Each structure stands twice: as structure tokens, then as C-alpha cells.
């Protein structure tokens, strides 16, 4: 009888696990995050309501799950954050235009589907407010946006993702075609000032003034390649192309850049796992670690770029195989049926006043890691939808 009892327990557990695993990963990841964060403002380990690029990143991915499944609770979860943070007059809690922080634009993207669904005018006003920031946002002498007012004369790869997809979608939605010229200028100009001709990789940042300690005195470039920074830039390319008109004169140049960097990053995969390291070109170096956010961003770009015809079809096959490797390396099953994405770099930057970030190899490998970071969760959800996994 005892053996039968043990068999029934094992059978029940097996059925439970199978039931938990029946849903696709994009549903399971969204559900897991919603369980961990009962209120949507809690995303990104937040202790209080704030307008933050990570909220737009993850809640935008959850809105994609709503579009994919038709399940209203995903929309309601995302919209509850937007409704809490956007005031009736379109102003946004904790947002300050005069800070000129390009990160602040990213969460504006989640307002497009929310406005389309609700027709609530406050969301349109909020998008217009964010767009207006770029009318007076400071620039380098060649017209590239500073990353933030507190980082003068500096262009970071991260900023291309934070600003350009929002501006492209705004231009397409509200009939402002000159924004396509702006977006193309930012993308192409940033490649020019950050690209290393020897490796084909893009450096994290560029300081036009050459005043930062991290900046090369001749080129102004930061000293290392950070996978997530390159991932931000790559995702921006495929997302911008959703809105860039087919007859735009610089569209082919953006597609050329996408193909170049997509081919380049394949050279820097870890042979054993197929994933990418925190410092991209230092494969297997002491202290370097396999990093989940940059890896997810690369795979998302490969798959979306190929599915939309901007990359050769083989990149979808490469992305599909890399996705399976990603799940094996970074996705963990939890006893409560939720799933976790492990090993994401919490944050990395350049310069600053409190603790100076020198962009060295030692700096990047010393940055804290955490599980279920939105910067890994969101691209994982988005590529899972693309692959219907």
C-alpha cells in the first residue's frame, strides 16, 4: 500500500508539472511576473510609483501577450499602471521634461495600444508631452541626442532604443513624417561614432568632448563592448523598421546596419551554451559571465529581423535554436509553478558623480546580477511570442 501511495504522489506531481508547463513560455512568464508583482507599478522591484523605462519595457511585453491571447487581464494589468501614473491633463507623475533624460521616452510606447483601446485623451496628451521633450533635447555638434542632461556631450547605445522606436511610432501614428528622418539620423550617426572597424562591434558610449575619464582621447569611445548596450541598439533597429516607410531614403542603410551587427555578434557566442557574455568580445575570460538580457535581445533581433524579411531567413533558424539554448541556460522552474529568468546584469553605465563608472572590464564584470530583471524578462516574452513558444 505504501508503494501505491508513493506512486500516486509522484503521478499527481507529474500531472501538476505537466499542467503547469502546458502554457507557452510567454504566458507563463507574464503570469509569473504578475504573481510576483500583484500591482503593476511594482515591476522592476519598485517600492513606489514612478515613470521608469523598465515599466514600459515589461508592461509593453505583457500588452503583447494580451494581443496574442486576447485575454483581457493582461491589458488591465498594464493599463492600471498607465492610469495611475498619467494624470488627467496628460502630465506624468515623477516625469520632468527639463531633466532631458532620453530613458523617459521608452515607456511612452506602451501608451499607444492603451490609447487605441481606451480612447482616453490623457494618454494622447502624455505621448505628446514626451515627444515634445525632443524639440529641445540637447545634442552633440553632429546632431545626436545626449543620453541625459547630466551626461553632457555623451551618446550611449542604450539611448537609441529608449528614444527611436517611440519617435518612429509617434511619427507614423500622428502624421509627423520628419521624425523618420530624425530616427534614421540618430541610428546611422550612432553607428558611425561607436563602431569598431576591427571587430564590427559597437562600443557602449561616445563622448564628443573627450572629457570623461572613460573616453579614448582620440576617438571619444568607451573602452569595452557591453552586450546589453548592443542588444538595445539591435532591438531598436527591428522595432523602428515596423514604422519606417518603405520608400524612406535611409531605410536601406538601417537594414544594412542590422545585417552587419547581426552577423558580427554570432562570432562571439559561448561555444558550450550558445549564449553571450556580459563583455561581448571577452569570451570565456576570467570573471566574465553569461548574461541573460543581452542574449535575449540578440535572439529577439535575429528572429524578428528574419521574420520581417530584413535578415536572411537563416537567422530565424539560428534564433530558434538559440532560444532553446537560452531556455536551457537561463530559465528556471520554481516549485510554485512560476518560472524565473536568471543572471541578468542589474545595471551598468558610464561616468557619474557618486561612484565613477570607468567602463573597464573590471567594472562590467563587477556589476550586480539579479533574477527576473525586466530587461531580460521583456525580450524573452517578446521573442517567445514571435516563435509561439
Protein backbone atom coordinates (compact mmCIF):
# COMPACT_ATOMS: atom_id res chain seq x y z
CA UNK A 1 0.00 0.00 0.00
CA UNK A 2 2.87 2.37 0.82
CA UNK A 3 4.35 1.86 -2.66
CA UNK A 4 0.97 2.64 -4.24
CA UNK A 5 0.74 5.81 -2.14
CA UNK A 6 4.19 6.96 -3.21
CA UNK A 7 3.31 6.17 -6.85
CA UNK A 8 0.13 8.26 -6.59
CA UNK A 9 2.05 11.21 -5.09
CA UNK A 10 4.64 11.04 -7.88
CA UNK A 11 1.89 10.70 -10.51
CA UNK A 12 -0.02 13.67 -9.07
CA UNK A 13 3.16 15.78 -9.02
CA UNK A 14 3.98 14.78 -12.60
CA UNK A 15 0.49 15.71 -13.78
CA UNK A 16 0.80 19.03 -11.92
CA UNK A 17 4.13 19.83 -13.57
CA UNK A 18 2.79 18.88 -16.99
CA UNK A 19 -0.25 21.09 -16.43
CA UNK A 20 1.96 23.99 -15.38
CA UNK A 21 4.13 23.50 -18.45
CA UNK A 22 1.26 23.26 -20.93
CA UNK A 23 1.06 27.02 -21.43
CA UNK A 24 3.59 28.68 -23.72
CA UNK A 25 6.52 30.48 -22.13
CA UNK A 26 5.16 33.93 -22.97
CA UNK A 27 2.04 33.17 -20.89
CA UNK A 28 3.99 31.53 -18.10
CA UNK A 29 6.49 34.39 -17.89
CA UNK A 30 3.77 37.05 -17.87
CA UNK A 31 1.77 35.13 -15.27
CA UNK A 32 4.88 34.64 -13.14
CA UNK A 33 5.67 38.34 -13.15
CA UNK A 34 2.07 39.25 -12.36
CA UNK A 35 2.15 36.86 -9.41
CA UNK A 36 5.44 38.32 -8.16
CA UNK A 37 4.15 41.87 -8.65
CA UNK A 38 0.44 41.94 -7.73
CA UNK A 39 0.29 45.64 -8.65
CA UNK A 40 1.85 46.61 -11.98
CA UNK A 41 3.70 49.60 -10.51
CA UNK A 42 5.75 47.04 -8.51
CA UNK A 43 7.52 45.88 -11.68
CA UNK A 44 11.32 46.30 -11.60
CA UNK A 45 11.37 45.74 -7.83
CA UNK A 46 9.80 49.17 -7.31
CA UNK A 47 8.84 50.37 -3.84
CA UNK A 48 6.80 53.34 -5.06
CA UNK A 49 5.07 54.61 -8.19
CA UNK A 50 7.46 56.10 -10.75
CA UNK A 51 7.75 56.69 -14.50
CA UNK A 52 10.51 54.31 -15.44
CA UNK A 53 11.74 52.80 -18.71
CA UNK A 54 11.66 49.29 -17.24
CA UNK A 55 7.93 49.54 -16.60
CA UNK A 56 7.26 50.39 -20.21
CA UNK A 57 9.59 47.64 -21.35
CA UNK A 58 7.95 44.85 -19.36
CA UNK A 59 4.36 46.07 -19.44
CA UNK A 60 4.68 46.60 -23.18
CA UNK A 61 5.64 42.93 -23.47
CA UNK A 62 2.62 41.99 -21.34
CA UNK A 63 0.43 44.03 -23.69
CA UNK A 64 1.87 41.90 -26.49
CA UNK A 65 0.65 38.83 -24.57
CA UNK A 66 -2.82 40.44 -24.49
CA UNK A 67 -2.65 40.93 -28.27
CA UNK A 68 -1.53 37.34 -28.75
CA UNK A 69 -4.03 35.66 -26.41
CA UNK A 70 -6.95 38.09 -26.28
CA UNK A 71 -7.02 37.65 -22.50
CA UNK A 72 -8.15 40.98 -21.07
CA UNK A 73 -6.42 40.58 -17.74
CA UNK A 74 -3.05 41.30 -19.37
CA UNK A 75 -4.36 44.57 -20.76
CA UNK A 76 -5.94 45.51 -17.44
CA UNK A 77 -2.69 44.82 -15.60
CA UNK A 78 -0.66 47.09 -17.88
CA UNK A 79 -3.31 49.79 -18.09
CA UNK A 80 -3.58 50.01 -14.31
CA UNK A 81 -0.01 51.32 -14.21
CA UNK A 82 -0.62 53.82 -17.01
CA UNK A 83 -3.83 55.02 -15.37
CA UNK A 84 -2.05 55.52 -12.04
CA UNK A 85 0.96 57.40 -13.40
CA UNK A 86 -0.68 59.56 -16.12
CA UNK A 87 -2.74 62.48 -14.84
CA UNK A 88 -5.95 63.68 -16.50
CA UNK A 89 -4.14 66.62 -18.13
CA UNK A 90 -1.50 64.33 -19.65
CA UNK A 91 1.25 65.18 -17.20
CA UNK A 92 3.13 62.19 -15.83
CA UNK A 93 3.97 61.55 -12.20
CA UNK A 94 7.74 61.75 -11.48
CA UNK A 95 8.50 62.80 -15.10
CA UNK A 96 10.45 66.04 -15.56
CA UNK A 97 10.98 67.19 -19.14
CA UNK A 98 13.76 69.58 -18.11
CA UNK A 99 15.89 66.63 -16.94
CA UNK A 100 16.31 65.71 -20.63
CA UNK A 101 16.65 62.03 -19.88
CA UNK A 102 16.10 60.01 -23.06
CA UNK A 103 15.24 56.91 -20.99
CA UNK A 104 11.94 58.58 -20.14
CA UNK A 105 10.61 58.18 -23.69
CA UNK A 106 10.64 54.39 -23.70
CA UNK A 107 7.54 53.90 -21.56
CA UNK A 108 5.62 56.12 -23.95
CA UNK A 109 5.43 53.15 -26.33
CA UNK A 110 3.04 51.26 -24.07
CA UNK A 111 0.62 54.19 -24.26
CA UNK A 112 -0.06 53.68 -27.99
CA UNK A 113 -2.09 50.45 -27.62
CA UNK A 114 -3.66 51.68 -24.40
CA UNK A 115 -4.82 54.90 -26.06
CA UNK A 116 -6.08 52.96 -29.09
CA UNK A 117 -8.11 50.66 -26.85
CA UNK A 118 -9.46 53.19 -24.33
CA UNK A 119 -9.57 56.40 -26.42
CA UNK A 120 -8.74 58.20 -23.17
CA UNK A 121 -7.38 61.61 -24.19
CA UNK A 122 -4.95 61.78 -21.28
CA UNK A 123 -2.78 59.11 -22.91
CA UNK A 124 -2.54 61.06 -26.18
CA UNK A 125 -1.56 64.16 -24.22
CA UNK A 126 1.09 62.21 -22.33
CA UNK A 127 2.60 60.92 -25.58
CA UNK A 128 2.64 64.46 -26.97
CA UNK A 129 4.42 65.66 -23.83
CA UNK A 130 7.12 63.02 -24.20
CA UNK A 131 7.52 63.77 -27.88
CA UNK A 132 7.92 67.49 -27.09
CA UNK A 133 11.00 66.74 -24.99
CA UNK A 134 12.95 66.05 -28.14
CA UNK A 135 12.25 69.50 -29.58
CA UNK A 136 14.75 70.98 -27.14
CA UNK A 137 16.73 67.88 -26.05
CA UNK A 138 20.46 68.73 -26.09
CA UNK A 139 22.58 67.32 -28.91
CA UNK A 140 26.17 66.83 -29.97
CA UNK A 141 27.54 69.02 -32.75
CA UNK A 142 26.62 66.32 -35.30
CA UNK A 143 23.01 66.28 -34.10
CA UNK A 144 22.98 63.18 -31.91
CA UNK A 145 20.92 63.26 -28.72
CA UNK A 146 22.78 63.43 -25.42
CA UNK A 147 21.88 60.43 -23.31
CA UNK A 148 20.90 62.69 -20.40
CA UNK A 149 21.43 66.30 -19.41
CA UNK A 150 23.62 65.06 -16.56
CA UNK A 151 25.81 63.24 -19.13
CA UNK A 152 26.74 66.16 -21.42
CA UNK A 153 28.12 65.50 -24.92
CA UNK A 154 27.62 61.73 -24.47
CA UNK A 155 25.85 59.28 -26.78
CA UNK A 156 25.08 55.80 -25.42
CA UNK A 157 23.80 52.85 -27.43
CA UNK A 158 21.03 52.43 -24.85
CA UNK A 159 19.54 55.77 -25.87
CA UNK A 160 18.80 54.61 -29.41
CA UNK A 161 16.34 52.07 -28.06
CA UNK A 162 14.92 54.46 -25.47
CA UNK A 163 14.11 57.17 -28.00
CA UNK A 164 13.95 56.00 -31.59
CA UNK A 165 11.17 53.36 -31.62
CA UNK A 166 8.91 55.76 -29.71
CA UNK A 167 9.61 58.61 -32.13
CA UNK A 168 9.10 56.37 -35.17
CA UNK A 169 5.77 55.10 -33.85
CA UNK A 170 4.71 58.63 -32.94
CA UNK A 171 5.54 59.84 -36.44
CA UNK A 172 3.55 57.00 -38.01
CA UNK A 173 0.58 57.37 -35.65
CA UNK A 174 0.21 61.12 -35.61
CA UNK A 175 1.39 62.02 -39.12
CA UNK A 176 4.78 63.56 -38.40
CA UNK A 177 7.00 62.13 -41.15
CA UNK A 178 10.03 64.26 -40.33
CA UNK A 179 10.51 62.06 -37.29
CA UNK A 180 11.60 59.26 -39.63
CA UNK A 181 14.48 61.47 -40.78
CA UNK A 182 15.37 62.14 -37.16
CA UNK A 183 15.33 58.47 -36.23
CA UNK A 184 17.46 57.49 -39.20
CA UNK A 185 19.96 60.22 -38.35
CA UNK A 186 20.27 59.01 -34.76
CA UNK A 187 20.73 55.34 -35.71
CA UNK A 188 23.21 55.89 -38.52
CA UNK A 189 25.13 58.61 -36.71
CA UNK A 190 25.49 56.50 -33.59
CA UNK A 191 26.87 53.55 -35.53
CA UNK A 192 29.44 55.87 -37.07
CA UNK A 193 30.78 57.15 -33.76
CA UNK A 194 30.68 53.84 -31.83
CA UNK A 195 31.66 51.16 -34.38
CA UNK A 196 34.98 49.37 -34.02
CA UNK A 197 36.12 48.52 -37.53
CA UNK A 198 38.35 45.69 -36.32
CA UNK A 199 35.64 43.63 -34.61
CA UNK A 200 32.47 45.13 -36.11
CA UNK A 201 31.09 45.57 -32.59
CA UNK A 202 29.74 48.83 -31.18
CA UNK A 203 31.23 50.45 -28.09
CA UNK A 204 28.85 51.28 -25.25
CA UNK A 205 29.30 55.04 -25.42
CA UNK A 206 30.93 58.02 -27.12
CA UNK A 207 31.95 61.33 -25.55
CA UNK A 208 32.26 64.08 -28.13
CA UNK A 209 34.11 66.32 -25.67
CA UNK A 210 36.66 63.61 -24.74
CA UNK A 211 36.41 64.93 -21.18
CA UNK A 212 35.25 61.72 -19.50
CA UNK A 213 37.91 59.50 -17.96
CA UNK A 214 36.36 56.55 -19.76
CA UNK A 215 36.66 58.20 -23.20
CA UNK A 216 39.52 57.39 -25.56
CA UNK A 217 41.34 60.71 -26.08
CA UNK A 218 41.42 60.22 -29.85
CA UNK A 219 38.08 58.55 -30.66
CA UNK A 220 35.96 59.52 -27.64
CA UNK A 221 34.75 55.93 -27.37
CA UNK A 222 34.34 53.93 -24.19
CA UNK A 223 36.82 51.07 -23.73
CA UNK A 224 34.60 47.97 -23.86
CA UNK A 225 31.70 46.26 -25.59
CA UNK A 226 28.69 45.60 -23.35
CA UNK A 227 26.26 43.02 -24.68
CA UNK A 228 23.11 44.68 -23.37
CA UNK A 229 24.05 48.03 -24.91
CA UNK A 230 24.50 46.33 -28.28
CA UNK A 231 21.24 44.47 -27.66
CA UNK A 232 19.36 47.72 -27.03
CA UNK A 233 20.68 49.12 -30.28
CA UNK A 234 19.79 45.99 -32.26
CA UNK A 235 16.25 45.81 -30.91
CA UNK A 236 15.79 49.45 -31.84
CA UNK A 237 16.65 48.66 -35.47
CA UNK A 238 13.99 45.98 -35.94
CA UNK A 239 11.38 47.92 -33.97
CA UNK A 240 11.94 51.16 -35.90
CA UNK A 241 11.55 49.28 -39.19
CA UNK A 242 7.96 48.48 -38.15
CA UNK A 243 7.17 52.13 -38.86
CA UNK A 244 9.84 53.44 -41.25
CA UNK A 245 8.22 53.96 -44.70
CA UNK A 246 9.46 51.58 -47.37
CA UNK A 247 10.42 54.48 -49.62
CA UNK A 248 12.41 56.33 -46.98
CA UNK A 249 15.85 57.10 -48.47
CA UNK A 250 17.78 55.88 -45.41
CA UNK A 251 15.78 52.72 -44.72
CA UNK A 252 18.23 50.56 -46.67
CA UNK A 253 21.11 51.91 -44.58
CA UNK A 254 19.34 50.86 -41.38
CA UNK A 255 18.80 47.38 -42.85
CA UNK A 256 22.49 47.27 -43.80
CA UNK A 257 23.48 48.08 -40.20
CA UNK A 258 21.08 45.41 -38.92
CA UNK A 259 22.65 42.78 -41.15
CA UNK A 260 26.20 43.80 -40.24
CA UNK A 261 25.73 43.70 -36.47
CA UNK A 262 23.58 40.54 -36.60
CA UNK A 263 26.36 38.74 -38.47
CA UNK A 264 29.03 40.14 -36.17
CA UNK A 265 27.56 39.07 -32.84
CA UNK A 266 27.37 35.44 -33.95
CA UNK A 267 31.17 35.33 -33.74
CA UNK A 268 31.05 35.98 -30.00
CA UNK A 269 28.81 33.19 -28.73
CA UNK A 270 29.94 30.86 -25.97
CA UNK A 271 30.74 27.54 -27.70
CA UNK A 272 29.26 25.42 -24.91
CA UNK A 273 25.93 27.19 -24.30
CA UNK A 274 25.39 29.31 -27.41
CA UNK A 275 24.82 32.37 -25.21
CA UNK A 276 26.67 35.67 -24.93
CA UNK A 277 28.87 37.14 -22.23
CA UNK A 278 28.46 40.36 -20.26
CA UNK A 279 31.54 41.81 -22.01
CA UNK A 280 30.82 40.69 -25.54
CA UNK A 281 34.25 40.02 -27.01
CA UNK A 282 35.88 38.54 -23.91
CA UNK A 283 34.51 35.04 -24.45
CA UNK A 284 35.47 32.78 -21.56
CA UNK A 285 37.69 35.39 -19.89
CA UNK A 286 38.16 35.19 -16.14
CA UNK A 287 35.26 36.81 -14.31
CA UNK A 288 33.14 37.32 -17.40
CA UNK A 289 29.70 35.75 -17.17
CA UNK A 290 26.92 34.60 -19.45
CA UNK A 291 24.28 37.34 -19.34
CA UNK A 292 20.58 36.83 -19.99
CA UNK A 293 19.30 40.26 -21.07
CA UNK A 294 21.79 40.84 -23.88
CA UNK A 295 21.37 37.24 -25.03
CA UNK A 296 17.58 37.60 -25.19
CA UNK A 297 17.87 40.87 -27.11
CA UNK A 298 20.16 39.32 -29.71
CA UNK A 299 17.82 36.37 -30.23
CA UNK A 300 14.77 38.65 -30.48
CA UNK A 301 16.51 40.75 -33.14
CA UNK A 302 17.54 37.72 -35.18
CA UNK A 303 14.05 36.23 -35.15
CA UNK A 304 12.10 39.42 -35.78
CA UNK A 305 14.56 40.66 -38.39
CA UNK A 306 14.30 37.40 -40.33
CA UNK A 307 10.54 37.04 -39.97
CA UNK A 308 10.05 40.56 -41.35
CA UNK A 309 12.41 39.98 -44.26
CA UNK A 310 15.21 42.30 -43.16
CA UNK A 311 17.64 39.48 -42.36
CA UNK A 312 18.23 36.26 -44.32
CA UNK A 313 15.80 33.52 -43.34
CA UNK A 314 18.62 31.52 -41.80
CA UNK A 315 18.63 33.96 -38.88
CA UNK A 316 15.21 32.75 -37.84
CA UNK A 317 16.61 29.22 -37.72
CA UNK A 318 19.63 30.43 -35.75
CA UNK A 319 17.33 32.33 -33.41
CA UNK A 320 15.05 29.35 -32.88
CA UNK A 321 18.00 27.14 -31.95
CA UNK A 322 19.47 29.86 -29.72
CA UNK A 323 16.10 30.27 -28.00
CA UNK A 324 16.13 26.62 -26.94
CA UNK A 325 19.66 27.07 -25.64
CA UNK A 326 18.53 30.19 -23.77
CA UNK A 327 15.74 28.31 -22.01
CA UNK A 328 18.16 25.58 -21.02
CA UNK A 329 20.73 28.02 -19.64
CA UNK A 330 18.65 30.83 -18.11
CA UNK A 331 15.04 29.73 -17.46
CA UNK A 332 14.38 28.05 -14.13
CA UNK A 333 11.24 26.24 -12.97
CA UNK A 334 10.05 27.16 -9.48
CA UNK A 335 8.14 24.89 -7.04
CA UNK A 336 5.05 27.15 -7.18
CA UNK A 337 4.74 26.73 -10.95
CA UNK A 338 6.24 30.11 -11.82
CA UNK A 339 9.38 30.49 -13.92
CA UNK A 340 12.45 32.65 -13.42
CA UNK A 341 14.95 34.16 -15.84
CA UNK A 342 18.35 34.17 -14.15
CA UNK A 343 21.64 36.05 -14.48
CA UNK A 344 20.72 39.50 -15.76
CA UNK A 345 23.05 42.42 -15.20
CA UNK A 346 21.11 44.76 -12.91
CA UNK A 347 22.55 47.99 -14.26
CA UNK A 348 25.65 49.33 -15.98
CA UNK A 349 26.53 52.81 -17.11
CA UNK A 350 29.37 55.24 -17.70
CA UNK A 351 30.72 58.09 -15.61
CA UNK A 352 28.55 59.63 -12.91
CA UNK A 353 29.28 61.60 -9.79
CA UNK A 354 28.82 59.21 -6.84
CA UNK A 355 30.77 56.12 -7.86
CA UNK A 356 32.55 56.76 -11.13
CA UNK A 357 31.92 54.04 -13.73
CA UNK A 358 35.08 53.86 -15.79
CA UNK A 359 33.86 51.41 -18.44
CA UNK A 360 36.71 49.00 -17.67
CA UNK A 361 36.46 45.24 -17.96
CA UNK A 362 36.67 45.02 -14.16
CA UNK A 363 33.73 47.41 -13.86
CA UNK A 364 31.37 45.48 -16.15
CA UNK A 365 32.05 42.09 -14.58
CA UNK A 366 31.56 43.53 -11.08
CA UNK A 367 28.03 44.82 -11.72
CA UNK A 368 25.32 43.08 -9.65
CA UNK A 369 23.25 40.29 -11.21
CA UNK A 370 19.64 39.52 -10.41
CA UNK A 371 16.82 37.21 -11.44
CA UNK A 372 13.65 38.34 -13.21
CA UNK A 373 15.04 41.67 -14.29
CA UNK A 374 12.60 43.33 -16.76
CA UNK A 375 15.47 43.86 -19.17
CA UNK A 376 15.66 40.07 -19.60
CA UNK A 377 12.00 39.23 -18.95
CA UNK A 378 10.59 41.55 -21.63
CA UNK A 379 12.69 40.43 -24.62
CA UNK A 380 12.19 36.82 -23.55
CA UNK A 381 8.40 37.29 -23.61
CA UNK A 382 8.57 39.10 -26.95
CA UNK A 383 10.71 36.50 -28.71
CA UNK A 384 8.59 33.71 -27.20
CA UNK A 385 5.56 35.29 -28.89
CA UNK A 386 7.41 35.55 -32.21
CA UNK A 387 8.29 31.85 -32.03
CA UNK A 388 4.95 30.86 -30.49
CA UNK A 389 6.82 29.12 -27.68
